[in-house]
Amino acid sequence: MDILSDYLKTFRLSAHVFLHSNFCGTWAVDTSGEEKATFHMIARGAAWLHLPDGSSPIALRSGDVVVFPHDALHTISNSETPPPPEQPRNQPSPVTDEGPNTTLICGYFEFERHSWNPLLNALPDVMVIKSEHTANTALMDDIIRNIIYETETEGAGSDVVIDKLSEVLFIHVVRTHMQQQKTSSSFIAALADKQISTAMSSFHSKPGDAWSVESLATNAGMSRSAFANKFHKLVNMTPMQYVTCWRMQRAHERLTTTKESVIQVAELSGYQSEAAFAKAFKKHFGFGPGAVRKKNKIHK
């Protein structure tokens, strides 16, 4: 079982580009406060990234991508000196021959449900992907080039193509982070850990089975106590808390995308009775499975 794919499908990843504009002269862009995971791509020219933590500005150039998984405060501008508060933000300007021009592509990544998303939570506040580093990953470089091409040519169907490419971009950003992961304590580290990921893969392939800490530990090839301790350290929850949370996410998915009855969803989620399932579901989401099914019918 590919855990990352399972997450992206269940949480329904989507992406959308909301700005493709040219900036020249003195300018500043700040999209924080949208409560979404945003990204900025330098399509042409150069810029500077300013963060409120007092760190040095980061130089950006064509092909660089900056991702803010948690909507962190930030400003991107034309100058190494942070723009003053009174300077207007987000005001594109026409291309001129006076001074350098910079073209930005800005968008956001979104998941349908936000009650529990350990994958998104494990990502850092700011992720800078430099163009010289993407050269080591030809596919990532191709995705960035194609997004830039589609935004500039504006061909038939380009809006959909750009959004789909942006979804793929997010996946590769996560992949890159997994490969470069340095900390030994995070959900991303759990996915990279051979023993823990083996147990998680086994569970994700059959989430409705009668799982226990012992059976998960057996799949990991570890003792019960060693597995439980390592799992909690990486995932920041007990193995059975994780089992419950993921079952609830999959149950929500089934309630909104299938015609299976509540009792069928309950059984596929590892519950022997509809009452026990409904209680666990309401505890996790704050509303019962019936409310989800009713809302889904209304939208249909």
Protein backbone atom coordinates (compact mmCIF):
# COMPACT_ATOMS: atom_id res chain seq x y z
CA MET A 1 0.00 0.00 0.00
CA ASP A 2 1.35 3.42 -1.03
CA ILE A 3 0.50 5.46 2.08
CA LEU A 4 1.13 8.84 0.44
CA SER A 5 -1.24 8.02 -2.43
CA ASP A 6 -3.83 6.77 0.04
CA TYR A 7 -3.65 10.05 1.92
CA LEU A 8 -3.87 12.26 -1.15
CA LYS A 9 -6.89 10.37 -2.51
CA THR A 10 -8.74 10.20 0.79
CA PHE A 11 -8.13 13.85 1.73
CA ARG A 12 -8.90 14.89 -1.87
CA LEU A 13 -6.01 17.12 -2.77
CA SER A 14 -6.82 19.96 -5.15
CA ALA A 15 -4.87 23.00 -6.32
CA HIS A 16 -5.70 26.28 -7.99
CA VAL A 17 -3.66 29.16 -9.41
CA PHE A 18 -5.28 32.50 -8.54
CA LEU A 19 -2.64 34.96 -9.73
CA HIS A 20 -0.35 35.18 -12.75
CA SER A 21 0.89 38.73 -13.03
CA ASN A 22 3.84 40.90 -13.87
CA PHE A 23 5.49 43.22 -11.35
CA CYS A 24 8.02 45.95 -12.04
CA GLY A 25 9.52 48.87 -10.17
CA THR A 26 8.81 48.82 -6.44
CA TRP A 27 6.34 46.13 -5.49
CA ALA A 28 5.38 43.69 -2.75
CA VAL A 29 3.17 40.60 -2.62
CA ASP A 30 1.61 39.18 0.56
CA THR A 31 -1.06 36.48 0.32
CA SER A 32 -0.94 35.36 3.95
CA GLY A 33 -4.19 35.25 5.87
CA GLU A 34 -6.03 33.14 3.29
CA GLU A 35 -6.02 30.14 5.66
CA LYS A 36 -4.80 27.93 2.83
CA ALA A 37 -1.53 26.27 1.89
CA THR A 38 -0.23 28.79 -0.65
CA PHE A 39 2.65 28.72 -3.10
CA HIS A 40 4.52 31.27 -5.21
CA MET A 41 6.52 30.49 -8.32
CA ILE A 42 8.96 32.90 -9.94
CA ALA A 43 8.19 32.48 -13.63
CA ARG A 44 10.47 35.27 -14.84
CA GLY A 45 12.91 37.65 -13.18
CA ALA A 46 13.94 37.71 -9.54
CA ALA A 47 12.55 38.58 -6.10
CA TRP A 48 13.23 38.47 -2.37
CA LEU A 49 11.37 36.50 0.28
CA HIS A 50 10.94 38.22 3.65
CA LEU A 51 9.84 36.37 6.79
CA PRO A 52 8.83 37.99 10.11
CA ASP A 53 11.17 35.82 12.18
CA GLY A 54 14.13 38.13 11.69
CA SER A 55 15.96 35.77 9.33
CA SER A 56 17.89 37.11 6.35
CA PRO A 57 15.91 37.70 3.14
CA ILE A 58 16.05 34.81 0.68
CA ALA A 59 16.93 35.56 -2.93
CA LEU A 60 14.56 34.01 -5.47
CA ARG A 61 15.03 33.63 -9.19
CA SER A 62 13.22 32.20 -12.20
CA GLY A 63 12.06 28.63 -11.54
CA ASP A 64 12.13 28.90 -7.74
CA VAL A 65 9.05 27.84 -5.77
CA VAL A 66 8.07 28.84 -2.22
CA VAL A 67 5.38 26.87 -0.37
CA PHE A 68 3.60 27.91 2.83
CA PRO A 69 1.77 24.77 4.08
CA HIS A 70 0.33 26.61 7.09
CA ASP A 71 -0.31 30.07 5.66
CA ALA A 72 2.75 31.56 7.36
CA LEU A 73 3.24 35.33 7.35
CA HIS A 74 5.50 36.42 4.49
CA THR A 75 6.21 39.07 1.90
CA ILE A 76 7.80 38.76 -1.53
CA SER A 77 9.20 41.94 -3.00
CA ASN A 78 11.61 43.45 -5.50
CA SER A 79 14.11 44.55 -2.85
CA GLU A 80 16.40 42.85 -0.37
CA THR A 81 15.20 45.46 2.12
CA PRO A 82 11.81 44.50 3.61
CA PRO A 83 9.01 46.71 2.29
CA PRO A 84 7.53 49.20 4.78
CA PRO A 85 4.02 48.52 6.12
CA GLU A 86 2.57 51.43 4.17
CA GLN A 87 3.78 50.08 0.82
CA PRO A 88 0.82 48.76 -1.26
CA ARG A 89 0.63 44.99 -1.67
CA ASN A 90 -0.51 42.75 -4.50
CA GLN A 91 -0.67 45.39 -7.21
CA PRO A 92 0.51 43.98 -10.57
CA SER A 93 1.92 46.40 -13.11
CA PRO A 94 2.29 46.40 -16.91
CA VAL A 95 5.55 45.34 -18.49
CA THR A 96 7.87 48.30 -19.08
CA ASP A 97 11.39 48.85 -20.29
CA GLU A 98 12.23 50.73 -17.11
CA GLY A 99 13.86 48.48 -14.55
CA PRO A 100 13.62 44.71 -14.08
CA ASN A 101 10.33 42.84 -14.45
CA THR A 102 9.27 39.86 -12.40
CA THR A 103 6.44 37.46 -13.22
CA LEU A 104 4.79 35.59 -10.35
CA ILE A 105 2.46 32.61 -10.39
CA CYS A 106 0.57 32.25 -7.11
CA GLY A 107 -1.79 29.48 -6.07
CA TYR A 108 -2.95 27.30 -3.23
CA PHE A 109 -3.22 23.64 -2.31
CA GLU A 110 -6.33 22.47 -0.51
CA PHE A 111 -7.68 19.35 1.15
CA GLU A 112 -11.40 18.68 1.45
CA ARG A 113 -11.29 17.84 5.16
CA HIS A 114 -9.19 19.55 7.80
CA SER A 115 -10.15 17.80 11.05
CA TRP A 116 -7.02 15.65 10.99
CA ASN A 117 -4.26 15.75 8.40
CA PRO A 118 -0.92 14.53 9.79
CA LEU A 119 0.71 14.82 6.37
CA LEU A 120 0.03 18.55 6.09
CA ASN A 121 0.73 19.12 9.78
CA ALA A 122 4.18 17.53 9.44
CA LEU A 123 5.35 19.96 6.76
CA PRO A 124 7.41 23.01 7.84
CA ASP A 125 5.99 26.53 7.80
CA VAL A 126 8.11 27.56 4.82
CA MET A 127 9.51 25.40 2.02
CA VAL A 128 11.83 26.93 -0.57
CA ILE A 129 12.54 24.80 -3.63
CA LYS A 130 15.41 26.32 -5.60
CA SER A 131 15.59 25.81 -9.35
CA GLU A 132 19.16 24.58 -9.17
CA HIS A 133 18.01 21.79 -6.86
CA THR A 134 15.11 20.72 -9.09
CA ALA A 135 17.67 20.03 -11.80
CA ASN A 136 18.47 16.91 -9.77
CA THR A 137 14.85 15.85 -10.17
CA ALA A 138 14.03 16.11 -13.86
CA LEU A 139 10.30 15.54 -13.35
CA MET A 140 9.99 18.38 -10.83
CA ASP A 141 11.81 20.68 -13.22
CA ASP A 142 9.47 19.64 -16.05
CA ILE A 143 6.38 20.32 -13.92
CA ILE A 144 7.56 23.83 -13.06
CA ARG A 145 8.43 24.57 -16.68
CA ASN A 146 5.04 23.31 -17.86
CA ILE A 147 3.13 25.40 -15.32
CA ILE A 148 5.01 28.47 -16.51
CA TYR A 149 4.39 27.56 -20.15
CA GLU A 150 0.65 27.00 -19.66
CA THR A 151 0.17 30.26 -17.73
CA GLU A 152 1.99 32.26 -20.40
CA THR A 153 0.42 30.67 -23.51
CA GLU A 154 -3.16 30.53 -22.12
CA GLY A 155 -4.14 27.78 -24.51
CA ALA A 156 -7.48 25.96 -24.62
CA GLY A 157 -8.08 24.19 -21.33
CA SER A 158 -4.99 25.74 -19.76
CA ASP A 159 -6.75 26.61 -16.50
CA VAL A 160 -7.50 22.95 -15.82
CA VAL A 161 -4.03 21.86 -16.93
CA ILE A 162 -2.40 24.40 -14.61
CA ASP A 163 -4.46 23.28 -11.62
CA LYS A 164 -3.70 19.60 -12.27
CA LEU A 165 0.00 20.33 -12.70
CA SER A 166 -0.10 22.27 -9.42
CA GLU A 167 -1.50 19.19 -7.68
CA VAL A 168 1.40 17.16 -9.04
CA LEU A 169 3.75 19.93 -7.91
CA PHE A 170 2.53 19.53 -4.32
CA ILE A 171 3.13 15.78 -4.43
CA HIS A 172 6.70 16.35 -5.59
CA VAL A 173 7.24 18.99 -2.92
CA VAL A 174 6.24 16.38 -0.31
CA ARG A 175 8.46 13.78 -1.97
CA THR A 176 11.39 16.18 -1.94
CA HIS A 177 10.81 16.93 1.74
CA MET A 178 10.66 13.21 2.53
CA GLN A 179 14.00 12.68 0.78
CA GLN A 180 15.59 15.62 2.57
CA GLN A 181 13.99 14.87 5.95
CA LYS A 182 16.57 15.41 8.68
CA THR A 183 14.57 15.26 11.88
CA SER A 184 13.87 11.82 13.34
CA SER A 185 10.58 12.88 14.93
CA SER A 186 7.70 13.64 12.57
CA PHE A 187 4.98 11.96 10.55
CA ILE A 188 7.14 12.37 7.42
CA ALA A 189 9.92 10.52 9.24
CA ALA A 190 7.42 7.75 10.04
CA LEU A 191 6.68 7.31 6.34
CA ALA A 192 10.42 7.05 5.68
CA ASP A 193 11.03 4.60 8.55
CA LYS A 194 11.15 1.03 7.22
CA GLN A 195 9.59 -0.66 10.27
CA ILE A 196 6.86 1.88 11.03
CA SER A 197 5.91 2.41 7.38
CA THR A 198 5.65 -1.37 6.89
CA ALA A 199 3.12 -1.59 9.72
CA MET A 200 1.23 1.45 8.45
CA SER A 201 1.11 0.01 4.93
CA SER A 202 -0.34 -3.23 6.25
CA PHE A 203 -3.03 -1.33 8.14
CA HIS A 204 -3.84 1.00 5.23
CA SER A 205 -4.32 -1.97 2.92
CA LYS A 206 -6.98 -3.48 5.23
CA PRO A 207 -8.18 -0.80 7.67
CA GLY A 208 -11.30 -2.77 8.59
CA ASP A 209 -9.40 -5.76 9.99
CA ALA A 210 -9.17 -6.36 13.74
CA TRP A 211 -5.96 -4.44 14.34
CA SER A 212 -4.19 -4.21 17.66
CA VAL A 213 -0.85 -2.84 18.81
CA GLU A 214 0.41 -6.42 18.87
CA SER A 215 -0.58 -7.17 15.27
CA LEU A 216 0.86 -3.88 14.03
CA ALA A 217 4.10 -4.56 15.89
CA THR A 218 4.27 -8.02 14.34
CA ASN A 219 4.01 -6.50 10.87
CA ALA A 220 6.80 -4.10 11.77
CA GLY A 221 8.97 -6.95 13.04
CA MET A 222 9.25 -5.32 16.47
CA SER A 223 8.25 -6.02 20.04
CA ARG A 224 4.98 -4.47 21.21
CA SER A 225 6.60 -1.93 23.54
CA ALA A 226 9.37 -0.92 21.14
CA PHE A 227 6.87 -0.43 18.33
CA ALA A 228 4.42 1.55 20.48
CA ASN A 229 7.17 3.86 21.73
CA LYS A 230 8.68 4.47 18.31
CA PHE A 231 5.29 5.00 16.68
CA HIS A 232 4.23 7.55 19.30
CA LYS A 233 7.53 9.39 18.99
CA LEU A 234 7.17 9.76 15.21
CA VAL A 235 3.42 10.14 14.72
CA ASN A 236 2.69 11.93 18.03
CA MET A 237 -0.21 9.62 18.83
CA THR A 238 -0.61 6.02 19.90
CA PRO A 239 -0.97 3.33 17.22
CA MET A 240 -4.63 2.75 18.06
CA GLN A 241 -5.40 6.46 18.03
CA TYR A 242 -3.97 6.52 14.53
CA VAL A 243 -6.05 3.48 13.55
CA THR A 244 -9.22 5.21 14.75
CA CYS A 245 -8.44 8.52 13.04
CA TRP A 246 -7.72 6.90 9.69
CA ARG A 247 -10.79 4.70 9.87
CA MET A 248 -12.90 7.81 10.44
CA GLN A 249 -11.38 9.54 7.41
CA ARG A 250 -12.07 6.54 5.19
CA ALA A 251 -15.59 6.24 6.59
CA HIS A 252 -16.26 9.89 5.77
CA GLU A 253 -14.99 9.22 2.26
CA ARG A 254 -17.32 6.26 1.80
CA LEU A 255 -20.32 8.15 3.15
CA THR A 256 -19.79 10.93 0.60
CA THR A 257 -18.77 8.89 -2.45
CA THR A 258 -20.67 5.59 -2.24
CA LYS A 259 -24.21 4.33 -1.67
CA GLU A 260 -23.11 1.92 1.02
CA SER A 261 -25.35 1.88 4.08
CA VAL A 262 -24.09 3.21 7.39
CA ILE A 263 -23.83 -0.31 8.78
CA GLN A 264 -21.80 -1.38 5.72
CA VAL A 265 -19.44 1.55 6.21
CA ALA A 266 -19.22 0.69 9.91
CA GLU A 267 -18.23 -2.91 9.19
CA LEU A 268 -15.66 -1.86 6.58
CA SER A 269 -14.26 0.51 9.21
CA GLY A 270 -13.74 -2.28 11.73
CA TYR A 271 -16.90 -1.78 13.83
CA GLN A 272 -19.33 -4.57 14.61
CA SER A 273 -22.30 -2.31 15.38
CA GLU A 274 -23.71 0.84 13.83
CA ALA A 275 -24.12 2.42 17.27
CA ALA A 276 -20.44 2.02 18.18
CA PHE A 277 -19.39 3.38 14.81
CA ALA A 278 -21.74 6.38 15.02
CA LYS A 279 -20.44 7.21 18.50
CA ALA A 280 -16.79 7.11 17.35
CA PHE A 281 -17.60 9.07 14.20
CA LYS A 282 -19.37 11.85 16.10
CA LYS A 283 -16.57 12.03 18.66
CA HIS A 284 -14.04 12.52 15.85
CA PHE A 285 -15.91 14.96 13.59
CA GLY A 286 -18.43 16.56 15.93
CA PHE A 287 -21.39 15.29 13.89
CA GLY A 288 -22.82 11.90 13.09
CA PRO A 289 -22.61 9.82 9.88
CA GLY A 290 -26.27 10.54 9.18
CA ALA A 291 -25.53 14.26 8.90
CA VAL A 292 -22.79 13.56 6.35
CA ARG A 293 -25.07 11.38 4.24
CA LYS A 294 -27.89 13.94 4.41
CA LYS A 295 -25.61 16.81 3.40
CA ASN A 296 -24.20 14.77 0.52
CA LYS A 297 -27.71 14.09 -0.82
CA ILE A 298 -28.51 17.81 -0.70
CA HIS A 299 -25.42 18.70 -2.71
CA LYS A 300 -26.22 16.00 -5.26
